[in-house]
């Protein structure tokens, strides 16, 4: 393994532990040259999951892309990064359980919104406003009314 700091091609494993229901191994490594410590993840290579975009183009499912969107939606909100990472893992699990090699971006976006609605309402509205491309304030107000309605149903 190459060190990301000095590019030396020798590292040692300091710590290993399973994550994500034993589907992944998290390894803490240390460079033998500069002693820089970093984390790597080892995971089973699964068949690619293809996301069909609204314009019909296709791209490989990206955990990182979803995580970036969640981080943006939760900016300055009291949601820990670890919770956002859990959401990404859960979404990928759900998509793989469906069993299709291709999934529409709409389905992915709805899954993200379902999870965000349970975690932080402000982050949910932020994500929804970008994802659903609210055209005017009336659409935005309608979305807020639906949130309030769901809250009253829970109480």
C-alpha atoms as a PDB file:
ATOM      1  CA  UNK A   1       0.000   0.000   0.000  1.00  0.00           C
ATOM      2  CA  UNK A   2       1.378   3.392  -1.013  1.00  0.00           C
ATOM      3  CA  UNK A   3       1.543   6.144   1.618  1.00  0.00           C
ATOM      4  CA  UNK A   4      -0.688   9.119   0.671  1.00  0.00           C
ATOM      5  CA  UNK A   5       1.737  11.537   2.358  1.00  0.00           C
ATOM      6  CA  UNK A   6       5.175  10.524   1.000  1.00  0.00           C
ATOM      7  CA  UNK A   7       4.262   7.916  -1.678  1.00  0.00           C
ATOM      8  CA  UNK A   8       6.533   5.289  -0.053  1.00  0.00           C
ATOM      9  CA  UNK A   9       5.409   1.806  -1.036  1.00  0.00           C
ATOM     10  CA  UNK A  10       5.539   0.209   2.402  1.00  0.00           C
ATOM     11  CA  UNK A  11       3.010   0.393   5.209  1.00  0.00           C
ATOM     12  CA  UNK A  12       2.144  -1.761   8.177  1.00  0.00           C
ATOM     13  CA  UNK A  13      -1.298  -2.493   9.575  1.00  0.00           C
ATOM     14  CA  UNK A  14      -1.724  -1.036  13.061  1.00  0.00           C
ATOM     15  CA  UNK A  15      -5.349  -2.064  13.633  1.00  0.00           C
ATOM     16  CA  UNK A  16      -8.070  -4.002  11.755  1.00  0.00           C
ATOM     17  CA  UNK A  17     -11.738  -4.276  12.524  1.00  0.00           C
ATOM     18  CA  UNK A  18     -14.865  -5.367  10.658  1.00  0.00           C
ATOM     19  CA  UNK A  19     -17.489  -2.775   9.728  1.00  0.00           C
ATOM     20  CA  UNK A  20     -20.802  -2.722   7.862  1.00  0.00           C
ATOM     21  CA  UNK A  21     -22.051  -6.109   9.126  1.00  0.00           C
ATOM     22  CA  UNK A  22     -18.696  -7.783   8.430  1.00  0.00           C
ATOM     23  CA  UNK A  23     -18.858  -6.829   4.756  1.00  0.00           C
ATOM     24  CA  UNK A  24     -15.917  -4.465   5.086  1.00  0.00           C
ATOM     25  CA  UNK A  25     -12.633  -4.342   6.958  1.00  0.00           C
ATOM     26  CA  UNK A  26     -11.321  -1.046   8.265  1.00  0.00           C
ATOM     27  CA  UNK A  27      -7.548  -0.996   8.513  1.00  0.00           C
ATOM     28  CA  UNK A  28      -5.466   1.618  10.279  1.00  0.00           C
ATOM     29  CA  UNK A  29      -2.071   1.782   8.566  1.00  0.00           C
ATOM     30  CA  UNK A  30       1.244   3.470   9.264  1.00  0.00           C
ATOM     31  CA  UNK A  31       3.899   4.359   6.700  1.00  0.00           C
ATOM     32  CA  UNK A  32       7.212   2.610   7.369  1.00  0.00           C
ATOM     33  CA  UNK A  33       9.085   5.634   6.036  1.00  0.00           C
ATOM     34  CA  UNK A  34       7.413   8.782   7.431  1.00  0.00           C
ATOM     35  CA  UNK A  35       5.120   7.233  10.132  1.00  0.00           C
ATOM     36  CA  UNK A  36       2.018   8.918   8.622  1.00  0.00           C
ATOM     37  CA  UNK A  37      -1.168   7.121   9.745  1.00  0.00           C
ATOM     38  CA  UNK A  38      -4.184   6.653   7.508  1.00  0.00           C
ATOM     39  CA  UNK A  39      -7.259   4.464   7.176  1.00  0.00           C
ATOM     40  CA  UNK A  40      -8.152   2.089   4.358  1.00  0.00           C
ATOM     41  CA  UNK A  41     -11.265   0.024   3.766  1.00  0.00           C
ATOM     42  CA  UNK A  42     -11.327  -3.389   2.182  1.00  0.00           C
ATOM     43  CA  UNK A  43     -14.655  -4.584   0.790  1.00  0.00           C
ATOM     44  CA  UNK A  44     -15.976  -7.397  -1.339  1.00  0.00           C
ATOM     45  CA  UNK A  45     -16.146  -6.388  -4.966  1.00  0.00           C
ATOM     46  CA  UNK A  46     -19.770  -6.532  -5.956  1.00  0.00           C
ATOM     47  CA  UNK A  47     -21.357  -6.249  -9.361  1.00  0.00           C
ATOM     48  CA  UNK A  48     -21.582  -2.619 -10.390  1.00  0.00           C
ATOM     49  CA  UNK A  49     -24.777  -0.804  -9.582  1.00  0.00           C
ATOM     50  CA  UNK A  50     -25.716   1.547 -12.421  1.00  0.00           C
ATOM     51  CA  UNK A  51     -27.763   4.696 -11.838  1.00  0.00           C
ATOM     52  CA  UNK A  52     -29.953   5.833 -14.738  1.00  0.00           C
ATOM     53  CA  UNK A  53     -30.096   9.631 -14.685  1.00  0.00           C
ATOM     54  CA  UNK A  54     -33.107  11.763 -15.643  1.00  0.00           C
ATOM     55  CA  UNK A  55     -31.578  12.487 -19.065  1.00  0.00           C
ATOM     56  CA  UNK A  56     -31.146   8.753 -19.744  1.00  0.00           C
ATOM     57  CA  UNK A  57     -27.380   8.687 -19.203  1.00  0.00           C
ATOM     58  CA  UNK A  58     -25.915   6.021 -16.964  1.00  0.00           C
ATOM     59  CA  UNK A  59     -23.186   6.157 -14.356  1.00  0.00           C
ATOM     60  CA  UNK A  60     -21.907   3.858 -11.645  1.00  0.00           C
ATOM     61  CA  UNK A  61     -23.430   4.240  -8.181  1.00  0.00           C
ATOM     62  CA  UNK A  62     -21.222   6.457  -6.038  1.00  0.00           C
ATOM     63  CA  UNK A  63     -21.333   6.383  -2.245  1.00  0.00           C
ATOM     64  CA  UNK A  64     -19.156   9.486  -2.205  1.00  0.00           C
ATOM     65  CA  UNK A  65     -21.580  11.471  -4.362  1.00  0.00           C
ATOM     66  CA  UNK A  66     -24.485  10.710  -2.047  1.00  0.00           C
ATOM     67  CA  UNK A  67     -22.381  11.499   1.014  1.00  0.00           C
ATOM     68  CA  UNK A  68     -21.367  14.873  -0.471  1.00  0.00           C
ATOM     69  CA  UNK A  69     -25.046  15.717  -1.059  1.00  0.00           C
ATOM     70  CA  UNK A  70     -25.920  14.724   2.506  1.00  0.00           C
ATOM     71  CA  UNK A  71     -23.051  16.778   3.919  1.00  0.00           C
ATOM     72  CA  UNK A  72     -24.204  19.835   1.955  1.00  0.00           C
ATOM     73  CA  UNK A  73     -27.787  19.391   3.128  1.00  0.00           C
ATOM     74  CA  UNK A  74     -26.672  19.015   6.759  1.00  0.00           C
ATOM     75  CA  UNK A  75     -24.238  21.923   6.746  1.00  0.00           C
ATOM     76  CA  UNK A  76     -24.427  23.770  10.091  1.00  0.00           C
ATOM     77  CA  UNK A  77     -26.902  21.189  11.389  1.00  0.00           C
ATOM     78  CA  UNK A  78     -26.367  18.951  14.447  1.00  0.00           C
ATOM     79  CA  UNK A  79     -26.012  15.752  12.403  1.00  0.00           C
ATOM     80  CA  UNK A  80     -22.785  13.790  12.934  1.00  0.00           C
ATOM     81  CA  UNK A  81     -20.825  12.598   9.900  1.00  0.00           C
ATOM     82  CA  UNK A  82     -21.050   9.027  11.201  1.00  0.00           C
ATOM     83  CA  UNK A  83     -24.864   9.204  10.880  1.00  0.00           C
ATOM     84  CA  UNK A  84     -24.582  10.409   7.288  1.00  0.00           C
ATOM     85  CA  UNK A  85     -22.209   7.543   6.493  1.00  0.00           C
ATOM     86  CA  UNK A  86     -24.741   5.109   8.006  1.00  0.00           C
ATOM     87  CA  UNK A  87     -27.432   6.546   5.736  1.00  0.00           C
ATOM     88  CA  UNK A  88     -25.256   6.005   2.652  1.00  0.00           C
ATOM     89  CA  UNK A  89     -24.540   2.401   3.687  1.00  0.00           C
ATOM     90  CA  UNK A  90     -28.245   1.749   4.298  1.00  0.00           C
ATOM     91  CA  UNK A  91     -29.231   3.223   0.921  1.00  0.00           C
ATOM     92  CA  UNK A  92     -26.696   1.053  -0.886  1.00  0.00           C
ATOM     93  CA  UNK A  93     -27.952  -2.017   1.017  1.00  0.00           C
ATOM     94  CA  UNK A  94     -31.539  -1.221   0.029  1.00  0.00           C
ATOM     95  CA  UNK A  95     -30.567  -0.807  -3.625  1.00  0.00           C
ATOM     96  CA  UNK A  96     -28.621  -4.077  -3.687  1.00  0.00           C
ATOM     97  CA  UNK A  97     -31.494  -5.921  -1.968  1.00  0.00           C
ATOM     98  CA  UNK A  98     -33.766  -4.866  -4.829  1.00  0.00           C
ATOM     99  CA  UNK A  99     -31.525  -6.970  -7.041  1.00  0.00           C
ATOM    100  CA  UNK A 100     -31.568  -4.872 -10.217  1.00  0.00           C
ATOM    101  CA  UNK A 101     -28.281  -3.966 -11.895  1.00  0.00           C
ATOM    102  CA  UNK A 102     -29.794  -0.588 -12.821  1.00  0.00           C
ATOM    103  CA  UNK A 103     -31.720   1.833 -10.646  1.00  0.00           C
ATOM    104  CA  UNK A 104     -33.262   5.192 -11.552  1.00  0.00           C
ATOM    105  CA  UNK A 105     -31.831   8.311  -9.919  1.00  0.00           C
ATOM    106  CA  UNK A 106     -35.366   9.210  -8.789  1.00  0.00           C
ATOM    107  CA  UNK A 107     -35.441   6.114  -6.566  1.00  0.00           C
ATOM    108  CA  UNK A 108     -32.057   6.994  -5.057  1.00  0.00           C
ATOM    109  CA  UNK A 109     -33.141  10.590  -4.402  1.00  0.00           C
ATOM    110  CA  UNK A 110     -36.371   9.474  -2.733  1.00  0.00           C
ATOM    111  CA  UNK A 111     -34.425   7.079  -0.497  1.00  0.00           C
ATOM    112  CA  UNK A 112     -32.081   9.887   0.529  1.00  0.00           C
ATOM    113  CA  UNK A 113     -35.042  12.146   1.334  1.00  0.00           C
ATOM    114  CA  UNK A 114     -36.782   9.397   3.338  1.00  0.00           C
ATOM    115  CA  UNK A 115     -33.695   8.980   5.517  1.00  0.00           C
ATOM    116  CA  UNK A 116     -33.088  12.730   5.875  1.00  0.00           C
ATOM    117  CA  UNK A 117     -36.696  13.353   6.915  1.00  0.00           C
ATOM    118  CA  UNK A 118     -36.128  11.061   9.905  1.00  0.00           C
ATOM    119  CA  UNK A 119     -32.799  12.675  10.849  1.00  0.00           C
ATOM    120  CA  UNK A 120     -33.202  16.435  10.350  1.00  0.00           C
ATOM    121  CA  UNK A 121     -36.149  18.306   8.847  1.00  0.00           C
ATOM    122  CA  UNK A 122     -34.104  21.348   7.815  1.00  0.00           C
ATOM    123  CA  UNK A 123     -31.600  19.143   5.988  1.00  0.00           C
ATOM    124  CA  UNK A 124     -34.519  17.326   4.371  1.00  0.00           C
ATOM    125  CA  UNK A 125     -36.008  20.584   3.048  1.00  0.00           C
ATOM    126  CA  UNK A 126     -32.592  21.728   1.796  1.00  0.00           C
ATOM    127  CA  UNK A 127     -32.029  18.470  -0.058  1.00  0.00           C
ATOM    128  CA  UNK A 128     -35.578  18.366  -1.402  1.00  0.00           C
ATOM    129  CA  UNK A 129     -35.381  21.942  -2.678  1.00  0.00           C
ATOM    130  CA  UNK A 130     -32.349  21.070  -4.792  1.00  0.00           C
ATOM    131  CA  UNK A 131     -33.438  17.552  -5.741  1.00  0.00           C
ATOM    132  CA  UNK A 132     -36.996  18.446  -6.692  1.00  0.00           C
ATOM    133  CA  UNK A 133     -35.919  21.791  -8.166  1.00  0.00           C
ATOM    134  CA  UNK A 134     -38.683  23.832  -6.582  1.00  0.00           C
ATOM    135  CA  UNK A 135     -39.809  26.292  -9.236  1.00  0.00           C
ATOM    136  CA  UNK A 136     -41.526  28.766  -6.932  1.00  0.00           C
ATOM    137  CA  UNK A 137     -42.363  29.478  -3.322  1.00  0.00           C
ATOM    138  CA  UNK A 138     -45.754  27.721  -3.547  1.00  0.00           C
ATOM    139  CA  UNK A 139     -44.142  24.341  -4.216  1.00  0.00           C
ATOM    140  CA  UNK A 140     -41.770  24.982  -1.309  1.00  0.00           C
ATOM    141  CA  UNK A 141     -44.676  25.896   1.004  1.00  0.00           C
ATOM    142  CA  UNK A 142     -46.563  22.756  -0.043  1.00  0.00           C
ATOM    143  CA  UNK A 143     -43.540  20.630   0.921  1.00  0.00           C
ATOM    144  CA  UNK A 144     -43.390  22.349   4.325  1.00  0.00           C
ATOM    145  CA  UNK A 145     -47.112  21.689   4.858  1.00  0.00           C
ATOM    146  CA  UNK A 146     -46.529  17.987   4.165  1.00  0.00           C
ATOM    147  CA  UNK A 147     -43.765  17.930   6.782  1.00  0.00           C
ATOM    148  CA  UNK A 148     -46.058  19.587   9.328  1.00  0.00           C
ATOM    149  CA  UNK A 149     -48.822  17.118   8.477  1.00  0.00           C
ATOM    150  CA  UNK A 150     -46.463  14.162   9.029  1.00  0.00           C
ATOM    151  CA  UNK A 151     -45.398  15.670  12.376  1.00  0.00           C
ATOM    152  CA  UNK A 152     -49.001  15.961  13.536  1.00  0.00           C
ATOM    153  CA  UNK A 153     -49.640  12.327  12.544  1.00  0.00           C
ATOM    154  CA  UNK A 154     -46.708  11.181  14.684  1.00  0.00           C
ATOM    155  CA  UNK A 155     -47.888  13.096  17.764  1.00  0.00           C
END
